[in-house]
Amino acid sequence: MANLTSRHSKSRRDKRRANWKGEYPSLTVCTECKEMKRPHHICPSCGTYDKKKIILVDSK
């Protein structure tokens, strides 16, 4: 393994590490039940995807 010829400073290292931010997931409105859901996923409240019933969800 090669040895370092010049070190990167702490500020340069920290600038690189500063880009690891948490983000909120993007949400869309379900066309059937008008609840918020993740795009391109089955709606957790009604169980539909692309206006088709995919899973049976128990009502509380």
N, C-alpha and C. Protein backbone atom coordinates (compact mmCIF):
# COMPACT_ATOMS: atom_id res chain seq x y z
N MET A 1 0.84 -1.17 0.00
CA MET A 1 0.00 0.00 0.00
C MET A 1 0.89 1.24 0.00
N ALA A 2 0.50 2.23 -0.75
CA ALA A 2 1.34 3.42 -0.88
C ALA A 2 1.23 4.31 0.34
N ASN A 3 2.29 5.06 0.62
CA ASN A 3 2.29 6.02 1.71
C ASN A 3 1.74 7.35 1.22
N LEU A 4 1.19 8.10 2.14
CA LEU A 4 0.66 9.41 1.78
C LEU A 4 1.79 10.38 1.47
N THR A 5 1.63 11.16 0.42
CA THR A 5 2.63 12.19 0.13
C THR A 5 2.25 13.50 0.80
N SER A 6 0.98 13.80 0.89
CA SER A 6 0.55 15.00 1.61
C SER A 6 -0.81 14.72 2.24
N ARG A 7 -0.93 15.13 3.47
CA ARG A 7 -2.18 14.89 4.21
C ARG A 7 -3.22 15.91 3.82
N HIS A 8 -4.48 15.51 3.95
CA HIS A 8 -5.58 16.46 3.78
C HIS A 8 -5.84 17.08 5.15
N SER A 9 -6.17 18.35 5.15
CA SER A 9 -6.40 19.04 6.42
C SER A 9 -7.72 18.58 7.04
N LYS A 10 -7.89 18.91 8.32
CA LYS A 10 -9.12 18.53 9.02
C LYS A 10 -10.34 19.20 8.42
N SER A 11 -10.19 20.45 8.00
CA SER A 11 -11.34 21.14 7.41
C SER A 11 -11.73 20.52 6.07
N ARG A 12 -10.75 20.07 5.30
CA ARG A 12 -11.04 19.43 4.02
C ARG A 12 -11.74 18.09 4.24
N ARG A 13 -11.28 17.36 5.25
CA ARG A 13 -11.92 16.09 5.61
C ARG A 13 -13.34 16.32 6.09
N ASP A 14 -13.54 17.33 6.93
CA ASP A 14 -14.86 17.59 7.49
C ASP A 14 -15.84 18.11 6.45
N LYS A 15 -15.34 18.84 5.45
CA LYS A 15 -16.21 19.29 4.36
C LYS A 15 -16.77 18.11 3.58
N ARG A 16 -15.96 17.10 3.40
CA ARG A 16 -16.40 15.90 2.70
C ARG A 16 -17.44 15.14 3.52
N ARG A 17 -17.24 15.08 4.82
CA ARG A 17 -18.16 14.34 5.69
C ARG A 17 -19.44 15.10 5.98
N ALA A 18 -19.48 16.38 5.67
CA ALA A 18 -20.66 17.19 5.98
C ALA A 18 -21.83 16.89 5.07
N ASN A 19 -21.61 16.13 4.00
CA ASN A 19 -22.69 15.87 3.04
C ASN A 19 -23.56 14.69 3.41
N TRP A 20 -23.32 14.06 4.55
CA TRP A 20 -24.14 12.95 4.99
C TRP A 20 -25.29 13.48 5.84
N LYS A 21 -26.31 13.98 5.19
CA LYS A 21 -27.46 14.55 5.90
C LYS A 21 -28.64 13.60 5.80
N GLY A 22 -29.45 13.58 6.82
CA GLY A 22 -30.68 12.83 6.75
C GLY A 22 -31.75 13.66 6.05
N GLU A 23 -32.58 13.00 5.27
CA GLU A 23 -33.65 13.69 4.55
C GLU A 23 -34.98 13.02 4.86
N TYR A 24 -36.02 13.80 4.83
CA TYR A 24 -37.35 13.26 4.97
C TYR A 24 -37.75 12.56 3.68
N PRO A 25 -38.48 11.45 3.76
CA PRO A 25 -38.89 10.79 2.53
C PRO A 25 -39.94 11.63 1.81
N SER A 26 -39.90 11.60 0.49
CA SER A 26 -40.91 12.34 -0.27
C SER A 26 -42.24 11.59 -0.17
N LEU A 27 -43.31 12.33 -0.09
CA LEU A 27 -44.64 11.74 0.07
C LEU A 27 -45.57 12.26 -1.01
N THR A 28 -46.51 11.42 -1.41
CA THR A 28 -47.55 11.81 -2.36
C THR A 28 -48.90 11.46 -1.76
N VAL A 29 -49.96 11.91 -2.39
CA VAL A 29 -51.32 11.64 -1.92
C VAL A 29 -51.86 10.42 -2.64
N CYS A 30 -52.42 9.49 -1.90
CA CYS A 30 -53.04 8.30 -2.48
C CYS A 30 -54.29 8.72 -3.25
N THR A 31 -54.47 8.19 -4.45
CA THR A 31 -55.62 8.57 -5.27
C THR A 31 -56.92 7.97 -4.77
N GLU A 32 -56.85 6.89 -4.00
CA GLU A 32 -58.07 6.23 -3.52
C GLU A 32 -58.54 6.78 -2.18
N CYS A 33 -57.65 6.84 -1.19
CA CYS A 33 -58.07 7.20 0.17
C CYS A 33 -57.59 8.58 0.60
N LYS A 34 -56.81 9.26 -0.23
CA LYS A 34 -56.30 10.61 0.04
C LYS A 34 -55.36 10.68 1.24
N GLU A 35 -54.75 9.56 1.63
CA GLU A 35 -53.75 9.54 2.69
C GLU A 35 -52.37 9.75 2.07
N MET A 36 -51.41 10.18 2.89
CA MET A 36 -50.05 10.37 2.41
C MET A 36 -49.35 9.01 2.33
N LYS A 37 -48.61 8.79 1.22
CA LYS A 37 -47.88 7.54 1.04
C LYS A 37 -46.60 7.84 0.28
N ARG A 38 -45.66 6.88 0.28
CA ARG A 38 -44.42 7.02 -0.47
C ARG A 38 -44.71 6.78 -1.94
N PRO A 39 -44.07 7.53 -2.83
CA PRO A 39 -44.34 7.32 -4.26
C PRO A 39 -43.86 5.95 -4.72
N HIS A 40 -44.60 5.34 -5.63
CA HIS A 40 -44.29 4.03 -6.22
C HIS A 40 -44.29 2.92 -5.17
N HIS A 41 -45.11 3.04 -4.13
CA HIS A 41 -45.27 2.01 -3.11
C HIS A 41 -46.76 1.76 -2.90
N ILE A 42 -47.08 0.62 -2.33
CA ILE A 42 -48.46 0.31 -1.97
C ILE A 42 -48.88 1.22 -0.83
N CYS A 43 -50.10 1.74 -0.90
CA CYS A 43 -50.61 2.60 0.16
C CYS A 43 -50.81 1.77 1.43
N PRO A 44 -50.23 2.18 2.57
CA PRO A 44 -50.38 1.37 3.79
C PRO A 44 -51.77 1.45 4.40
N SER A 45 -52.55 2.46 4.07
CA SER A 45 -53.86 2.59 4.70
C SER A 45 -54.97 1.88 3.93
N CYS A 46 -54.89 1.82 2.59
CA CYS A 46 -55.96 1.15 1.84
C CYS A 46 -55.46 -0.04 1.02
N GLY A 47 -54.16 -0.18 0.81
CA GLY A 47 -53.61 -1.34 0.12
C GLY A 47 -53.72 -1.29 -1.39
N THR A 48 -53.81 -0.11 -1.98
CA THR A 48 -53.90 -0.01 -3.44
C THR A 48 -52.59 0.48 -4.04
N TYR A 49 -52.40 0.11 -5.31
CA TYR A 49 -51.27 0.61 -6.08
C TYR A 49 -51.74 0.74 -7.52
N ASP A 50 -51.58 1.92 -8.09
CA ASP A 50 -51.99 2.21 -9.47
C ASP A 50 -53.48 1.89 -9.67
N LYS A 51 -54.29 2.31 -8.70
CA LYS A 51 -55.74 2.14 -8.70
C LYS A 51 -56.18 0.67 -8.74
N LYS A 52 -55.31 -0.23 -8.28
CA LYS A 52 -55.64 -1.65 -8.17
C LYS A 52 -55.47 -2.10 -6.72
N LYS A 53 -56.39 -2.89 -6.23
CA LYS A 53 -56.32 -3.41 -4.87
C LYS A 53 -55.28 -4.52 -4.84
N ILE A 54 -54.19 -4.31 -4.10
CA ILE A 54 -53.08 -5.27 -4.06
C ILE A 54 -53.14 -6.13 -2.81
N ILE A 55 -53.29 -5.51 -1.65
CA ILE A 55 -53.33 -6.25 -0.38
C ILE A 55 -54.61 -5.89 0.36
N LEU A 56 -55.04 -6.79 1.21
CA LEU A 56 -56.21 -6.56 2.04
C LEU A 56 -55.73 -5.99 3.37
N VAL A 57 -56.21 -4.79 3.72
CA VAL A 57 -55.79 -4.12 4.95
C VAL A 57 -56.94 -4.20 5.94
N ASP A 58 -56.64 -4.63 7.17
CA ASP A 58 -57.65 -4.69 8.22
C ASP A 58 -58.01 -3.29 8.69
N SER A 59 -59.28 -2.99 8.80
CA SER A 59 -59.70 -1.70 9.33
C SER A 59 -59.72 -1.78 10.85
N LYS A 60 -59.30 -0.71 11.50
CA LYS A 60 -59.20 -0.71 12.97
C LYS A 60 -60.49 -0.32 13.63
